[in-house]
Amino acid sequence: MKPGSARRGRRRPLRFTKMHGLGNDFVVIDLVSQHFHLDSRMIRRLADRRFGIGCDQVLLVEPPRDPDVDFRYRIFNGDGQEVEQCGNGARCFARFVRHKRLTDKDLIRVETRAGHIELAMQGRNLVRVDMGAPVLDPELIPFASNEQRAVYTLEVDGRQLEFGALSMGNPHAVILVDDVEQADVETLGPALQGHPSFPRQVNVGFMQLIDRQHVRLRVYERGVGETLACGSGACAAIVSGILRGLLEQRVEVSVRGGKLQIEWAGGDAHVLMTGPATIVFEGQIRL
């Protein structure tokens, strides 16, 4: 027997639930009823689609640190990096804590790295997420600009690129395109994501206008690449479209994994996102 193999064999299994929100998939872990320390190496293994379970992000459900909330919600990209926000993950979080009977509330308040958000169950599978007010101040996005604008311009990959920029708890850039299927996501996504004007990098959305109440969207996410859906990206896209005078206050967003409803009344109003959350399977893994 190799040294340390007995110790590894005694390591207790970690219980998990595989979920998705419109194809944006997650490994969700209850750290309320089970105690386990997860480091970045373990996160990467969980997310690995060949040697682990496979997911876009790992979501941790933890006891609250603030007495005014019900849970702490932590999000890790597949590369092991902790990030501020994930809208599709938030819907899965709400369904998960109800499914696991960690709460019986229909309105759930959670602490995230970006602040507090509210999750409202609407039937068994639908969840409405109060994503808070969008952050438009470039310094707070963060984005290097001397003034706040609805549209910014940067030279990216040898071309002048126009986009909206804001934060939904995490930074987003939104590019208008004629056809999302023909958009240069795999080139422009990483090029803008790593641009030095975004010191914490940025999620890049490619939005096609159908009419004032419908858009199509693809998103290239930090630390993940393109996903089938991005909830915070959908919120950012609609805010950007409204700021440009292109969209109404309530918009249906079609992503590759399905559809979301996004509402924003402008100004300091909170952005509301409604969509499904699906449980795929449950299991245990030794790390």
Foldseek 3Di string as FASTA:
>chain_A
DDPPPVVLVPFDWFKWFWKWFLQQIETEGECDVPPDDDALVNLLQCCDVPRHVHGQKYWYWAQDPDPVFGTEIWIAGNNSDTAFDFDGVVLQVVLVCVVVVVDVDQWGWYATNLGIKIWGDDPNWKIKIFLFFKAQPCVVLPFDDPDGDLWDWDQWPNRIFIWGWIHSRHIETEGEDQDPVPDPQVRRQVRQQPDVRPVVGHKYKYWYDPAQAEIEIWIQDPNRGTGQDTQRHVQVNNLSCVRVVGHDQWHWYQGNSGIKIWGDPDDRGTIMIMGTMGTDGIDIDRD
